[in-house]
Amino acid sequence: MAESPLDTVPGRIVKYTMELYRKDGVSAEAFDDWFTNTVAPKAVPVYQKHNVIKFALYRTDHKVSTAFQGMMEQARPGWKVSDCDVVLEHWVHDMHTIMAHSQDPEWAREVLKDQELWVDLSKSTIHIGYDTTYLENGAIMNLGGR
């Protein structure tokens, strides 16, 4: 049987991230409250059930992003600083884990409930791949000859 691009490399942890944008008219504070107090408490047990290794939320700060975009325009013209509201970060053993939790009936019933009221899915993006750490706590790693 031919290998699929969705087959993962044994021993490598898959990382996938989702950039989410709040719907027009939803304040940053209300969005954060909804995610923190409604979505996360319902999502975490489903992730746990499907053996997600780690789940984290990365909150952006639009004031900082806007200021940094101005700096980037000078240093690297054409580069765009993401203007998403949050990035959901997931680490899993394989692609099957992603599909298993996203197709779990509890996921659709509990976690995605009312999502369309809060999230502009037309702007959301997903990134998927592998982390490779080259520097951590001052230690160089994963570089040839080091």
Protein backbone atom coordinates (compact mmCIF):
# COMPACT_ATOMS: atom_id res chain seq x y z
CA MET A 1 0.00 0.00 0.00
CA ALA A 2 1.33 3.44 -0.94
CA GLU A 3 2.24 5.82 1.83
CA SER A 4 -0.09 8.75 2.35
CA PRO A 5 1.15 12.27 2.98
CA LEU A 6 -1.04 12.09 6.09
CA ASP A 7 1.01 9.24 7.53
CA THR A 8 3.20 10.64 10.24
CA VAL A 9 6.81 9.95 11.02
CA PRO A 10 7.07 7.54 13.96
CA GLY A 11 8.50 9.28 17.00
CA ARG A 12 7.78 12.78 15.72
CA ILE A 13 5.12 14.85 17.39
CA VAL A 14 2.70 16.60 15.04
CA LYS A 15 1.92 20.23 15.82
CA TYR A 16 -1.10 21.90 14.40
CA THR A 17 -2.25 25.40 15.03
CA MET A 18 -5.41 27.27 14.20
CA GLU A 19 -5.58 31.03 13.82
CA LEU A 20 -9.00 32.28 14.88
CA TYR A 21 -10.57 35.67 14.29
CA ARG A 22 -13.48 36.97 16.30
CA LYS A 23 -16.60 37.89 14.45
CA ASP A 24 -17.26 41.57 13.72
CA GLY A 25 -19.01 43.18 16.66
CA VAL A 26 -17.56 40.78 19.25
CA SER A 27 -15.23 42.55 21.68
CA ALA A 28 -11.83 41.11 22.53
CA GLU A 29 -12.89 40.84 26.17
CA ALA A 30 -16.12 38.96 25.38
CA PHE A 31 -14.27 36.65 22.97
CA ASP A 32 -11.62 35.85 25.57
CA ASP A 33 -14.28 35.21 28.21
CA TRP A 34 -16.23 32.93 25.83
CA PHE A 35 -13.16 30.92 24.93
CA THR A 36 -11.74 30.69 28.45
CA ASN A 37 -14.98 29.92 30.27
CA THR A 38 -17.05 28.09 27.64
CA VAL A 39 -14.88 26.51 24.96
CA ALA A 40 -11.75 25.44 26.86
CA PRO A 41 -13.60 23.63 29.69
CA LYS A 42 -15.53 21.62 27.08
CA ALA A 43 -12.63 21.07 24.67
CA VAL A 44 -10.02 19.85 27.14
CA PRO A 45 -11.88 16.65 28.17
CA VAL A 46 -12.40 15.74 24.49
CA TYR A 47 -8.72 16.38 23.78
CA GLN A 48 -7.80 14.26 26.79
CA LYS A 49 -10.08 11.44 25.65
CA HIS A 50 -8.29 11.38 22.28
CA ASN A 51 -4.77 11.55 23.72
CA VAL A 52 -3.84 15.06 22.63
CA ILE A 53 -0.41 15.60 24.18
CA LYS A 54 -0.69 19.33 24.77
CA PHE A 55 -3.14 22.11 24.05
CA ALA A 56 -2.38 25.80 24.54
CA LEU A 57 -3.95 29.11 23.67
CA TYR A 58 -1.82 31.92 22.30
CA ARG A 59 -3.53 35.30 22.69
CA THR A 60 -2.49 38.14 20.47
CA ASP A 61 -2.37 41.79 21.40
CA HIS A 62 -3.57 43.98 18.55
CA LYS A 63 -1.77 47.08 19.84
CA VAL A 64 1.53 45.19 19.85
CA SER A 65 0.82 43.51 16.49
CA THR A 66 -0.03 46.83 14.86
CA ALA A 67 3.10 48.51 16.23
CA PHE A 68 5.25 45.55 15.20
CA GLN A 69 3.73 45.60 11.69
CA GLY A 70 5.04 49.15 11.34
CA MET A 71 8.50 47.97 12.33
CA MET A 72 8.33 45.02 9.94
CA GLU A 73 7.38 47.27 7.04
CA GLN A 74 10.72 49.02 7.56
CA ALA A 75 12.82 45.91 8.20
CA ARG A 76 11.11 43.40 5.90
CA PRO A 77 8.79 45.10 3.40
CA GLY A 78 5.97 42.79 2.36
CA TRP A 79 5.96 40.69 5.51
CA LYS A 80 2.62 40.63 7.30
CA VAL A 81 2.13 40.30 11.04
CA SER A 82 -0.91 38.12 11.63
CA ASP A 83 -3.92 40.01 12.90
CA CYS A 84 -5.74 36.97 14.28
CA ASP A 85 -7.18 37.09 17.78
CA VAL A 86 -5.92 33.75 19.09
CA VAL A 87 -3.85 30.80 17.98
CA LEU A 88 -4.86 27.38 19.25
CA GLU A 89 -1.79 25.15 19.55
CA HIS A 90 -2.06 21.35 19.63
CA TRP A 91 0.60 18.66 19.87
CA VAL A 92 -0.50 15.13 18.90
CA HIS A 93 1.06 11.77 18.13
CA ASP A 94 -0.50 11.44 14.67
CA MET A 95 -3.02 12.81 12.21
CA HIS A 96 -5.58 10.25 13.33
CA THR A 97 -5.79 12.01 16.70
CA ILE A 98 -6.78 15.24 14.97
CA MET A 99 -9.50 13.50 13.00
CA ALA A 100 -10.73 11.49 16.00
CA HIS A 101 -11.35 14.50 18.24
CA SER A 102 -12.76 16.67 15.45
CA GLN A 103 -15.26 13.95 14.50
CA ASP A 104 -16.24 13.09 18.07
CA PRO A 105 -19.99 13.75 18.54
CA GLU A 106 -19.24 15.48 21.84
CA TRP A 107 -16.96 17.90 19.96
CA ALA A 108 -19.71 18.96 17.58
CA ARG A 109 -22.40 19.03 20.26
CA GLU A 110 -20.47 20.82 23.03
CA VAL A 111 -17.35 22.54 21.74
CA LEU A 112 -18.52 23.88 18.40
CA LYS A 113 -21.91 24.96 19.75
CA ASP A 114 -22.52 28.62 18.93
CA GLN A 115 -19.06 28.96 17.36
CA GLU A 116 -20.53 30.85 14.41
CA LEU A 117 -21.68 33.58 16.81
CA TRP A 118 -18.11 34.22 17.96
CA VAL A 119 -15.66 33.17 15.23
CA ASP A 120 -15.26 34.39 11.66
CA LEU A 121 -14.38 31.03 10.13
CA SER A 122 -13.86 32.59 6.68
CA LYS A 123 -10.56 34.04 7.95
CA SER A 124 -9.35 31.10 10.05
CA THR A 125 -6.26 29.19 8.99
CA ILE A 126 -4.66 25.91 10.02
CA HIS A 127 -0.94 25.16 10.06
CA ILE A 128 0.33 21.61 10.45
CA GLY A 129 3.83 20.19 10.70
CA TYR A 130 6.59 19.35 13.15
CA ASP A 131 8.47 21.43 15.71
CA THR A 132 12.25 21.34 15.56
CA THR A 133 13.95 23.09 18.47
CA TYR A 134 17.37 24.61 17.78
CA LEU A 135 17.86 26.64 20.94
CA GLU A 136 16.31 26.08 24.34
CA ASN A 137 17.31 27.60 27.65
CA GLY A 138 20.61 28.66 26.10
CA ALA A 139 21.43 25.15 24.83
CA ILE A 140 21.97 24.62 21.09
CA MET A 141 20.48 21.43 19.71
CA ASN A 142 19.59 19.70 16.44
CA LEU A 143 22.36 21.43 14.50
CA GLY A 144 24.93 19.34 12.67
CA GLY A 145 28.25 19.24 14.55
CA ARG A 146 26.82 20.75 17.75
